[in-house]
Amino acid sequence: MNSGLLCFLLRIRSPEELLLHSARGAVFETYVISELIKRSLHLGQESSIYFWRDSGGNEVDVLIDGEKGIVPVEVKSGQTVAADFFKGLDYWKKNCGPQVIPQA
């Protein structure tokens, strides 16, 4: 979904309104995922982007399945960083192992 259309449907009419809106995180996540999908399409590639959640409620916002492995990505719209933002990534790394995460 287009994040501009999403904001219109939510009646968010300005950036200032978005900053205070309860759906800010969902709007930002939608924007990031749509940009990742567009990037794949512009490169002429099939999009290999997934969401993951297990039965215990652990989740990772985006898994990018690339040539060198699976890259887990957490999307947050906060102005500060908190340790619990990385809970899903930590769980993923512990259970899936670092071998699936490409090394720089």
Protein backbone atom coordinates (compact mmCIF):
# COMPACT_ATOMS: atom_id res chain seq x y z
CA MET A 1 0.00 0.00 0.00
CA ASN A 2 1.11 3.53 -0.68
CA SER A 3 1.87 5.36 2.58
CA GLY A 4 0.39 8.59 1.21
CA LEU A 5 -2.89 6.81 0.47
CA LEU A 6 -2.75 5.20 3.91
CA CYS A 7 -2.39 8.63 5.55
CA PHE A 8 -5.27 9.97 3.48
CA LEU A 9 -7.51 7.08 4.53
CA LEU A 10 -6.53 7.62 8.17
CA ARG A 11 -7.30 11.34 7.76
CA ILE A 12 -3.72 12.32 8.55
CA ARG A 13 -3.30 15.61 6.71
CA SER A 14 0.14 16.85 7.76
CA PRO A 15 3.52 15.58 8.96
CA GLU A 16 2.78 17.09 12.36
CA GLU A 17 -0.43 15.05 12.65
CA LEU A 18 1.46 11.90 11.71
CA LEU A 19 4.00 12.46 14.50
CA LEU A 20 1.21 12.29 17.09
CA HIS A 21 -0.99 9.67 15.43
CA SER A 22 -1.36 6.21 17.00
CA ALA A 23 -0.74 4.59 13.59
CA ARG A 24 2.62 6.34 13.06
CA GLY A 25 4.57 3.10 13.45
CA ALA A 26 2.35 1.21 11.02
CA VAL A 27 2.54 4.04 8.47
CA PHE A 28 6.33 4.12 8.68
CA GLU A 29 6.59 0.33 8.44
CA THR A 30 4.33 0.40 5.37
CA TYR A 31 6.54 3.07 3.81
CA VAL A 32 9.77 1.12 4.42
CA ILE A 33 8.37 -2.16 3.11
CA SER A 34 6.90 -0.52 0.01
CA GLU A 35 10.28 1.12 -0.72
CA LEU A 36 12.04 -2.24 -0.39
CA ILE A 37 9.54 -3.84 -2.78
CA LYS A 38 9.89 -0.95 -5.25
CA ARG A 39 13.67 -1.33 -5.14
CA SER A 40 13.41 -4.98 -6.11
CA LEU A 41 11.00 -4.20 -8.92
CA HIS A 42 13.20 -1.39 -10.29
CA LEU A 43 16.12 -3.82 -10.36
CA GLY A 44 13.97 -6.27 -12.31
CA GLN A 45 13.99 -8.77 -9.47
CA GLU A 46 11.22 -10.68 -7.81
CA SER A 47 10.62 -9.32 -4.33
CA SER A 48 11.94 -11.69 -1.66
CA ILE A 49 10.68 -9.79 1.36
CA TYR A 50 8.82 -11.55 4.16
CA PHE A 51 7.36 -11.01 7.62
CA TRP A 52 8.03 -13.59 10.33
CA ARG A 53 6.19 -14.39 13.58
CA ASP A 54 6.21 -17.58 15.59
CA SER A 55 3.49 -19.09 17.78
CA GLY A 56 5.04 -17.41 20.85
CA GLY A 57 4.56 -13.93 19.40
CA ASN A 58 8.24 -13.34 18.52
CA GLU A 59 8.49 -11.45 15.25
CA VAL A 60 10.77 -9.73 12.78
CA ASP A 61 9.25 -6.96 10.65
CA VAL A 62 11.14 -7.78 7.45
CA LEU A 63 13.22 -10.70 6.25
CA ILE A 64 15.08 -9.98 3.03
CA ASP A 65 16.06 -13.19 1.25
CA GLY A 66 19.12 -12.23 -0.77
CA GLU A 67 21.93 -13.95 -2.61
CA LYS A 68 24.17 -14.05 0.47
CA GLY A 69 21.52 -15.08 3.00
CA ILE A 70 18.55 -13.81 4.97
CA VAL A 71 18.76 -10.34 6.44
CA PRO A 72 16.37 -9.61 9.34
CA VAL A 73 15.26 -5.97 9.64
CA GLU A 74 13.33 -4.28 12.43
CA VAL A 75 11.44 -1.09 11.47
CA LYS A 76 10.80 1.55 14.16
CA SER A 77 9.61 5.14 13.95
CA GLY A 78 10.69 6.24 17.42
CA GLN A 79 12.94 9.19 18.10
CA THR A 80 14.93 7.21 20.66
CA VAL A 81 16.27 3.67 20.74
CA ALA A 82 15.28 1.19 23.41
CA ALA A 83 16.84 -2.22 24.01
CA ASP A 84 13.51 -4.02 23.58
CA PHE A 85 13.34 -2.76 19.96
CA PHE A 86 15.82 -5.53 19.16
CA LYS A 87 14.06 -8.36 21.00
CA GLY A 88 12.78 -9.96 17.78
CA LEU A 89 16.16 -9.66 16.07
CA ASP A 90 17.92 -11.18 19.09
CA TYR A 91 15.44 -14.06 19.15
CA TRP A 92 15.88 -14.61 15.40
CA LYS A 93 19.67 -14.62 15.66
CA LYS A 94 19.64 -17.00 18.66
CA ASN A 95 17.30 -19.49 16.98
CA CYS A 96 18.31 -19.21 13.33
CA GLY A 97 22.01 -18.65 13.86
CA PRO A 98 24.31 -15.97 12.54
CA GLN A 99 25.11 -18.08 9.44
CA VAL A 100 21.97 -16.77 7.71
CA ILE A 101 22.93 -13.13 8.27
CA PRO A 102 25.42 -11.85 5.66
CA GLN A 103 28.64 -10.52 7.12
CA ALA A 104 29.96 -7.18 5.87
